[in-house]
Amino acid sequence: MKIAMIGLKQMFGCEGGIEKTVRHLSFGMAEKGHSVTVYERGGAGGAGPSGTGDVPEALREKIKIVRIPTIPGAAGVPLYSFLAAVRAALSDCDLVMFHASGPCLMLPVAKLGGKKTVAFLHGRDSLRSKWGRFASWYLGQGEKAAAKQSDALLVLTEEDGAWARKTYGKEAFRVFNGAEAPEADPETPLPDGLVKDGYFIWSGRISREKGLQYLIPAYRKTRTDKPLLLAGRTAGRNRFFRTLKKAAEEDPRIRFIGYRTGRELAALYRNAFAFILPSEMEGMAHSLLEALACGTPCILSDIPENRAVAGGHALYFPSGDTGALAGRMREWLDRPEARFGPAEGESREILRRFSVKESVDRITGICEAVLAEDGKAGRKC
């Protein structure tokens, strides 16, 4: 099977959930003997040169990375999606997998080339608060194309499956992101003199729907000498980030520490007093999966996507309610002995339920069934 992947910024050097999912799928499918071509977006920023240098050597014959040149700004995204779809349509691939709402609008281009298509909606992007009216409409059109024109639709939540069924009569396959505990190393030091249980941490992509505009004021209401670490790439100097930065500068306890990965991120998770994720919406947050896999206590917005992952192993508050979030933080500070994070055995169970291998096996099976046209890809939503 030859698969093309479209819809990511860059294969390496980006912390987004789609990028992590594409890496997991590409490596896993290649290990199964399939060939994968990843079309990444040129000019996405924050990543190194295109190429397969970061691909495990044993998989380099099976994974090809193609950078699609585009233009800066928002207009570059649909241009990238169109050019990538054209390249895939003219290639010898068997199936094109489109990731995220916007790129799915180019599904018909791949179909004109006679390709089978799989649409993977990592959440309904049209509902994200950061987009203006036109962008939301455009993303909605991509979601419509995904539901009406793909040979298989993949979603992460029951809610998105119900939307596809009710709105377009499309039966979606519910899949999940794979979880991996970041590699632990007891010798990895904590940065800046931090100590175990001595800080709160948030990690992820700095974007409005992630809820940092609620976390920062909630934390500022909280009397504690434990700093709040915000671990995410800060290269994007947009208005939202500037607002967050200004609010953080008014409280020296709040620290933007940049994008962290690997053993350093594992050490930060494992030693944190609590991981906080105040998102307005999610697909299935990799940062939450990783924190739970590390056994980190979690304080989460009460949205279905977070509950589906963490279950009873977290404290919840109503999304957008800064007062309630501050209350949860005070509750944990006042009663740290009442542990609410997953115990070691429960962390192993979370890793088993959301393992990368199980995720890759499920999605690969769906792709194989699409190509075989037997419709036996497994349980749908």
Protein backbone atom coordinates (compact mmCIF):
# COMPACT_ATOMS: atom_id res chain seq x y z
CA MET A 1 0.00 0.00 0.00
CA LYS A 2 1.28 3.47 -0.93
CA ILE A 3 -0.16 6.29 1.17
CA ALA A 4 0.15 10.06 0.82
CA MET A 5 -0.32 12.33 3.86
CA ILE A 6 -1.56 15.92 3.42
CA GLY A 7 -2.42 18.56 6.03
CA LEU A 8 0.53 19.04 8.33
CA LYS A 9 2.95 21.93 8.76
CA GLN A 10 6.18 19.96 8.90
CA MET A 11 7.06 16.38 9.74
CA PHE A 12 9.66 17.37 12.32
CA GLY A 13 10.17 20.48 14.43
CA CYS A 14 6.47 21.27 15.04
CA GLU A 15 4.69 20.35 18.28
CA GLY A 16 1.14 20.21 16.90
CA GLY A 17 -1.04 17.16 17.45
CA ILE A 18 -1.45 16.55 13.72
CA GLU A 19 2.32 16.49 13.25
CA LYS A 20 2.70 13.95 16.07
CA THR A 21 -0.09 11.79 14.64
CA VAL A 22 1.40 11.85 11.14
CA ARG A 23 4.80 10.83 12.54
CA HIS A 24 3.25 7.94 14.47
CA LEU A 25 1.26 6.78 11.44
CA SER A 26 4.16 7.17 9.01
CA PHE A 27 6.60 5.24 11.19
CA GLY A 28 4.03 2.55 12.07
CA MET A 29 2.82 2.05 8.50
CA ALA A 30 6.40 1.91 7.22
CA GLU A 31 7.23 -0.75 9.81
CA LYS A 32 4.34 -2.78 8.37
CA GLY A 33 5.95 -2.55 4.91
CA HIS A 34 3.81 0.23 3.43
CA SER A 35 5.27 3.25 1.64
CA VAL A 36 4.38 6.73 2.91
CA THR A 37 4.86 10.11 1.22
CA VAL A 38 4.38 13.09 3.52
CA TYR A 39 3.62 16.43 1.89
CA GLU A 40 4.63 19.14 4.33
CA ARG A 41 4.03 22.86 4.06
CA GLY A 42 6.96 25.07 3.11
CA GLY A 43 7.28 28.32 5.02
CA ALA A 44 5.48 26.93 8.09
CA GLY A 45 8.28 28.21 10.30
CA GLY A 46 10.02 26.77 13.30
CA ALA A 47 11.38 23.66 11.62
CA GLY A 48 14.61 22.58 10.06
CA PRO A 49 15.25 21.67 6.44
CA SER A 50 13.02 19.13 4.75
CA GLY A 51 14.38 15.64 4.50
CA THR A 52 14.43 12.18 6.07
CA GLY A 53 17.36 12.73 8.43
CA ASP A 54 15.15 12.38 11.51
CA VAL A 55 13.44 9.24 10.20
CA PRO A 56 14.86 6.02 11.72
CA GLU A 57 17.42 4.66 9.29
CA ALA A 58 15.59 1.35 8.91
CA LEU A 59 12.50 3.20 7.61
CA ARG A 60 14.06 5.69 5.22
CA GLU A 61 13.38 3.59 2.13
CA LYS A 62 9.67 3.57 3.01
CA ILE A 63 9.15 7.23 4.00
CA LYS A 64 9.50 10.16 1.64
CA ILE A 65 9.07 13.79 2.74
CA VAL A 66 8.13 16.36 0.10
CA ARG A 67 8.02 20.06 0.95
CA ILE A 68 5.40 22.00 -0.98
CA PRO A 69 6.46 25.64 -1.54
CA THR A 70 3.80 28.18 -0.75
CA ILE A 71 3.35 31.83 0.22
CA PRO A 72 3.38 33.40 3.70
CA GLY A 73 0.17 34.06 5.59
CA ALA A 74 -3.23 32.44 5.76
CA ALA A 75 -3.56 32.22 1.96
CA GLY A 76 -0.61 29.84 1.93
CA VAL A 77 -2.59 27.06 3.59
CA PRO A 78 -5.18 26.44 0.83
CA LEU A 79 -2.45 26.92 -1.79
CA TYR A 80 -0.35 24.25 -0.09
CA SER A 81 -3.35 21.91 0.17
CA PHE A 82 -4.16 22.33 -3.53
CA LEU A 83 -0.59 21.83 -4.73
CA ALA A 84 -0.08 18.83 -2.44
CA ALA A 85 -3.34 17.28 -3.66
CA VAL A 86 -2.25 17.77 -7.28
CA ARG A 87 1.12 16.15 -6.56
CA ALA A 88 -0.57 13.24 -4.84
CA ALA A 89 -3.14 12.85 -7.63
CA LEU A 90 -0.35 12.61 -10.21
CA SER A 91 1.75 10.24 -8.10
CA ASP A 92 1.62 6.44 -7.94
CA CYS A 93 0.10 6.40 -4.46
CA ASP A 94 -2.95 4.24 -3.80
CA LEU A 95 -4.63 6.36 -1.14
CA VAL A 96 -4.48 9.97 0.05
CA MET A 97 -5.11 10.75 3.73
CA PHE A 98 -6.15 14.35 4.38
CA HIS A 99 -5.62 15.65 7.92
CA ALA A 100 -7.70 18.50 9.44
CA SER A 101 -10.68 20.42 8.11
CA GLY A 102 -9.16 22.89 5.64
CA PRO A 103 -7.08 20.49 3.52
CA CYS A 104 -10.12 18.21 3.11
CA LEU A 105 -11.61 20.77 0.74
CA MET A 106 -9.10 19.45 -1.82
CA LEU A 107 -10.44 15.90 -1.67
CA PRO A 108 -12.00 16.20 -5.17
CA VAL A 109 -8.54 16.94 -6.62
CA ALA A 110 -7.21 13.60 -5.40
CA LYS A 111 -10.33 11.83 -6.62
CA LEU A 112 -9.85 13.30 -10.10
CA GLY A 113 -6.55 11.42 -10.10
CA GLY A 114 -8.38 8.19 -9.33
CA LYS A 115 -7.16 7.97 -5.73
CA LYS A 116 -8.99 6.55 -2.76
CA THR A 117 -9.30 9.07 0.05
CA VAL A 118 -9.46 9.04 3.84
CA ALA A 119 -10.38 12.23 5.72
CA PHE A 120 -9.10 12.53 9.30
CA LEU A 121 -10.83 15.32 11.21
CA HIS A 122 -8.76 16.07 14.32
CA GLY A 123 -11.70 17.98 15.75
CA ARG A 124 -14.00 20.38 13.90
CA ASP A 125 -11.70 23.30 13.20
CA SER A 126 -14.55 25.52 11.99
CA LEU A 127 -15.71 25.82 15.62
CA ARG A 128 -12.41 27.13 16.96
CA SER A 129 -12.72 30.64 18.39
CA LYS A 130 -9.52 31.94 16.81
CA TRP A 131 -10.98 32.02 13.29
CA GLY A 132 -12.87 34.88 11.65
CA ARG A 133 -16.10 34.46 9.71
CA PHE A 134 -14.54 33.62 6.33
CA ALA A 135 -12.00 31.20 7.78
CA SER A 136 -14.72 29.40 9.76
CA TRP A 137 -16.83 29.12 6.58
CA TYR A 138 -13.86 27.78 4.62
CA LEU A 139 -13.08 25.17 7.28
CA GLY A 140 -16.75 24.21 7.38
CA GLN A 141 -16.65 23.56 3.66
CA GLY A 142 -13.66 21.29 4.23
CA GLU A 143 -15.61 19.37 6.86
CA LYS A 144 -18.53 19.06 4.46
CA ALA A 145 -16.22 17.66 1.76
CA ALA A 146 -14.71 15.24 4.28
CA ALA A 147 -18.14 13.91 5.24
CA LYS A 148 -19.66 13.78 1.75
CA GLN A 149 -16.77 12.83 -0.52
CA SER A 150 -14.21 10.77 1.38
CA ASP A 151 -14.11 7.00 1.10
CA ALA A 152 -13.71 6.86 4.89
CA LEU A 153 -14.09 9.54 7.55
CA LEU A 154 -12.03 9.32 10.76
CA VAL A 155 -12.98 11.25 13.91
CA LEU A 156 -11.66 11.32 17.47
CA THR A 157 -14.89 11.74 19.42
CA GLU A 158 -18.42 10.34 19.57
CA GLU A 159 -19.70 13.92 19.23
CA ASP A 160 -18.01 14.41 15.85
CA GLY A 161 -19.29 11.04 14.70
CA ALA A 162 -22.83 12.02 15.67
CA TRP A 163 -22.44 15.34 13.79
CA ALA A 164 -21.37 13.55 10.58
CA ARG A 165 -24.23 11.08 10.87
CA LYS A 166 -26.93 13.65 11.62
CA THR A 167 -25.77 16.37 9.21
CA TYR A 168 -24.57 14.37 6.23
CA GLY A 169 -25.67 10.78 6.82
CA LYS A 170 -22.01 9.72 6.97
CA GLU A 171 -20.95 6.89 9.24
CA ALA A 172 -17.55 7.81 10.65
CA PHE A 173 -14.88 5.57 12.14
CA ARG A 174 -13.86 6.61 15.62
CA VAL A 175 -10.09 6.37 16.07
CA PHE A 176 -7.72 7.77 18.69
CA ASN A 177 -4.34 9.43 18.92
CA GLY A 178 -1.56 7.19 20.14
CA ALA A 179 -0.01 7.90 23.53
CA GLU A 180 3.63 7.51 24.41
CA ALA A 181 5.10 8.41 27.76
CA PRO A 182 8.02 10.75 27.05
CA GLU A 183 11.26 8.93 27.65
CA ALA A 184 12.20 9.14 31.33
CA ASP A 185 15.73 9.62 32.61
CA PRO A 186 16.32 10.22 36.33
CA GLU A 187 19.54 12.01 35.44
CA THR A 188 17.75 14.69 33.41
CA PRO A 189 17.81 17.85 35.54
CA LEU A 190 14.87 20.19 35.92
CA PRO A 191 15.52 23.65 34.43
CA ASP A 192 16.06 26.84 36.38
CA GLY A 193 16.38 25.26 39.80
CA LEU A 194 12.88 23.76 39.84
CA VAL A 195 12.10 21.02 42.35
CA LYS A 196 9.64 18.13 42.46
CA ASP A 197 6.05 19.22 43.14
CA GLY A 198 7.28 22.80 43.00
CA TYR A 199 5.39 24.11 39.93
CA PHE A 200 2.28 23.91 37.76
CA ILE A 201 2.74 23.21 34.05
CA TRP A 202 0.84 23.68 30.82
CA SER A 203 2.20 22.30 27.55
CA GLY A 204 0.97 22.55 23.97
CA ARG A 205 0.37 24.86 21.04
CA ILE A 206 -0.16 28.50 22.00
CA SER A 207 -3.57 29.17 20.48
CA ARG A 208 -6.78 30.77 21.70
CA GLU A 209 -8.81 27.55 21.93
CA LYS A 210 -6.22 26.13 24.34
CA GLY A 211 -7.59 28.46 27.04
CA LEU A 212 -4.46 30.25 28.25
CA GLN A 213 -6.57 33.43 28.45
CA TYR A 214 -8.38 31.67 31.33
CA LEU A 215 -5.38 29.99 32.93
CA ILE A 216 -3.26 33.11 33.42
CA PRO A 217 -5.90 35.19 35.28
CA ALA A 218 -6.96 32.13 37.31
CA TYR A 219 -3.38 31.53 38.37
CA ARG A 220 -2.89 35.19 39.24
CA LYS A 221 -5.79 34.85 41.69
CA THR A 222 -4.04 31.94 43.39
CA ARG A 223 -1.77 32.49 46.37
CA THR A 224 1.18 30.18 45.87
CA ASP A 225 4.92 30.36 45.45
CA LYS A 226 4.79 27.54 42.91
CA PRO A 227 5.46 29.05 39.47
CA LEU A 228 3.34 28.37 36.40
CA LEU A 229 5.36 27.05 33.46
CA LEU A 230 3.96 27.53 29.95
CA ALA A 231 5.78 25.15 27.61
CA GLY A 232 5.04 25.95 23.98
CA ARG A 233 6.64 27.54 20.97
CA THR A 234 6.56 31.34 21.27
CA ALA A 235 7.87 32.37 17.84
CA GLY A 236 4.46 33.53 16.61
CA ARG A 237 4.17 37.19 17.56
CA ASN A 238 0.45 37.55 16.98
CA ARG A 239 -1.89 39.75 18.99
CA PHE A 240 -3.10 36.86 21.16
CA PHE A 241 0.41 35.91 22.17
CA ARG A 242 1.31 39.53 22.92
CA THR A 243 -1.71 39.78 25.21
CA LEU A 244 -0.65 36.65 27.07
CA LYS A 245 2.92 37.83 27.33
CA LYS A 246 1.88 41.17 28.78
CA ALA A 247 -0.32 39.47 31.38
CA ALA A 248 2.54 37.14 32.29
CA GLU A 249 5.01 39.99 32.64
CA GLU A 250 2.79 41.45 35.36
CA ASP A 251 3.32 38.30 37.46
CA PRO A 252 6.93 37.08 37.80
CA ARG A 253 5.70 33.62 38.81
CA ILE A 254 4.51 32.95 35.24
CA ARG A 255 7.25 31.69 32.93
CA PHE A 256 7.16 31.01 29.20
CA ILE A 257 9.80 28.30 28.86
CA GLY A 258 9.49 27.51 25.14
CA TYR A 259 8.88 24.24 23.35
CA ARG A 260 10.17 21.19 25.28
CA THR A 261 10.40 17.59 24.08
CA GLY A 262 11.80 14.18 24.93
CA ARG A 263 13.48 13.53 28.27
CA GLU A 264 13.28 17.15 29.33
CA LEU A 265 9.50 17.19 28.83
CA ALA A 266 9.20 13.84 30.65
CA ALA A 267 11.08 15.26 33.63
CA LEU A 268 8.83 18.33 33.67
CA TYR A 269 5.67 16.19 33.62
CA ARG A 270 6.81 13.66 36.19
CA ASN A 271 7.89 16.30 38.72
CA ALA A 272 5.02 18.77 38.27
CA PHE A 273 2.59 19.55 41.08
CA ALA A 274 -0.17 19.48 38.45
CA PHE A 275 -0.67 19.68 34.70
CA ILE A 276 -3.41 22.13 33.67
CA LEU A 277 -5.30 22.00 30.38
CA PRO A 278 -8.06 24.68 30.19
CA SER A 279 -9.00 24.13 26.53
CA GLU A 280 -12.28 25.34 25.03
CA MET A 281 -12.15 22.44 22.58
CA GLU A 282 -9.79 19.63 21.64
CA GLY A 283 -9.50 16.73 19.28
CA MET A 284 -7.55 14.42 21.56
CA ALA A 285 -4.74 16.33 23.25
CA HIS A 286 -1.33 14.67 22.99
CA SER A 287 -0.11 16.75 25.93
CA LEU A 288 -2.86 15.31 28.13
CA LEU A 289 -2.13 11.76 27.02
CA GLU A 290 1.56 12.27 27.78
CA ALA A 291 0.91 13.86 31.18
CA LEU A 292 -1.41 11.02 32.22
CA ALA A 293 1.09 8.45 30.98
CA CYS A 294 3.66 10.10 33.26
CA GLY A 295 1.28 9.90 36.23
CA THR A 296 0.93 13.68 36.52
CA PRO A 297 -2.08 15.05 38.45
CA CYS A 298 -4.31 16.94 35.98
CA ILE A 299 -6.71 19.87 36.26
CA LEU A 300 -8.83 19.96 33.10
CA SER A 301 -11.63 21.90 31.48
CA ASP A 302 -14.84 19.89 31.60
CA ILE A 303 -15.15 19.20 27.88
CA PRO A 304 -16.07 15.77 26.44
CA GLU A 305 -12.69 15.38 24.72
CA ASN A 306 -10.80 15.69 28.04
CA ARG A 307 -13.19 13.45 29.99
CA ALA A 308 -12.97 10.76 27.30
CA VAL A 309 -9.22 10.54 27.88
CA ALA A 310 -8.77 11.22 31.62
CA GLY A 311 -12.00 9.77 33.00
CA GLY A 312 -11.92 9.89 36.80
CA HIS A 313 -8.19 10.58 37.00
CA ALA A 314 -8.47 14.39 37.04
CA LEU A 315 -10.11 17.43 38.61
CA TYR A 316 -12.48 19.28 36.26
CA PHE A 317 -13.86 22.81 36.00
CA PRO A 318 -16.34 24.41 33.55
CA SER A 319 -14.50 25.56 30.42
CA GLY A 320 -13.94 29.34 30.41
CA ASP A 321 -14.69 29.77 34.13
CA THR A 322 -11.57 31.40 35.60
CA GLY A 323 -13.04 31.45 39.10
CA ALA A 324 -13.74 27.73 39.04
CA LEU A 325 -10.25 27.01 37.70
CA ALA A 326 -8.70 29.12 40.46
CA GLY A 327 -10.84 27.18 42.95
CA ARG A 328 -9.57 23.83 41.65
CA MET A 329 -5.98 25.03 41.93
CA ARG A 330 -6.58 26.17 45.53
CA GLU A 331 -8.27 22.84 46.29
CA TRP A 332 -5.21 20.93 45.16
CA LEU A 333 -2.87 23.29 47.02
CA ASP A 334 -4.89 22.87 50.22
CA ARG A 335 -5.15 19.07 50.01
CA PRO A 336 -2.13 17.70 48.14
CA GLU A 337 -2.39 14.43 50.05
CA ALA A 338 -5.70 13.64 48.28
CA ARG A 339 -3.99 12.43 45.13
CA PHE A 340 -6.20 12.56 42.03
CA GLY A 341 -3.67 11.73 39.33
CA PRO A 342 -3.36 8.22 37.89
CA ALA A 343 -1.40 5.72 39.95
CA GLU A 344 1.39 3.77 38.28
CA GLY A 345 -0.85 0.86 37.27
CA GLU A 346 -3.49 3.25 35.95
CA SER A 347 -0.88 5.06 33.86
CA ARG A 348 0.03 1.74 32.28
CA GLU A 349 -3.66 1.12 31.54
CA ILE A 350 -3.94 4.54 29.85
CA LEU A 351 -0.91 3.70 27.72
CA ARG A 352 -2.46 0.36 26.83
CA ARG A 353 -5.84 1.86 25.85
CA PHE A 354 -4.30 4.66 23.79
CA SER A 355 -1.14 2.94 22.56
CA VAL A 356 0.51 4.11 19.36
CA LYS A 357 0.55 0.54 18.07
CA GLU A 358 -3.22 0.10 18.56
CA SER A 359 -3.87 3.47 16.90
CA VAL A 360 -1.68 2.64 13.89
CA ASP A 361 -3.20 -0.86 13.57
CA ARG A 362 -6.75 0.53 13.59
CA ILE A 363 -6.12 3.28 11.04
CA THR A 364 -4.02 1.03 8.79
CA GLY A 365 -6.83 -1.53 8.82
CA ILE A 366 -9.34 1.12 7.73
CA CYS A 367 -7.07 2.20 4.86
CA GLU A 368 -6.60 -1.40 3.73
CA ALA A 369 -10.36 -1.97 3.80
CA VAL A 370 -10.95 1.19 1.74
CA LEU A 371 -8.58 -0.10 -0.91
CA ALA A 372 -10.16 -3.53 -0.80
CA GLU A 373 -13.62 -1.94 -0.97
CA ASP A 374 -15.01 -4.55 1.40
CA GLY A 375 -16.30 -2.09 3.98
CA LYS A 376 -15.02 -4.25 6.84
CA ALA A 377 -12.82 -1.68 8.51
CA GLY A 378 -14.22 -2.28 11.99
CA ARG A 379 -16.58 -0.56 14.38
CA LYS A 380 -17.81 2.86 13.38
CA CYS A 381 -19.11 5.53 15.75
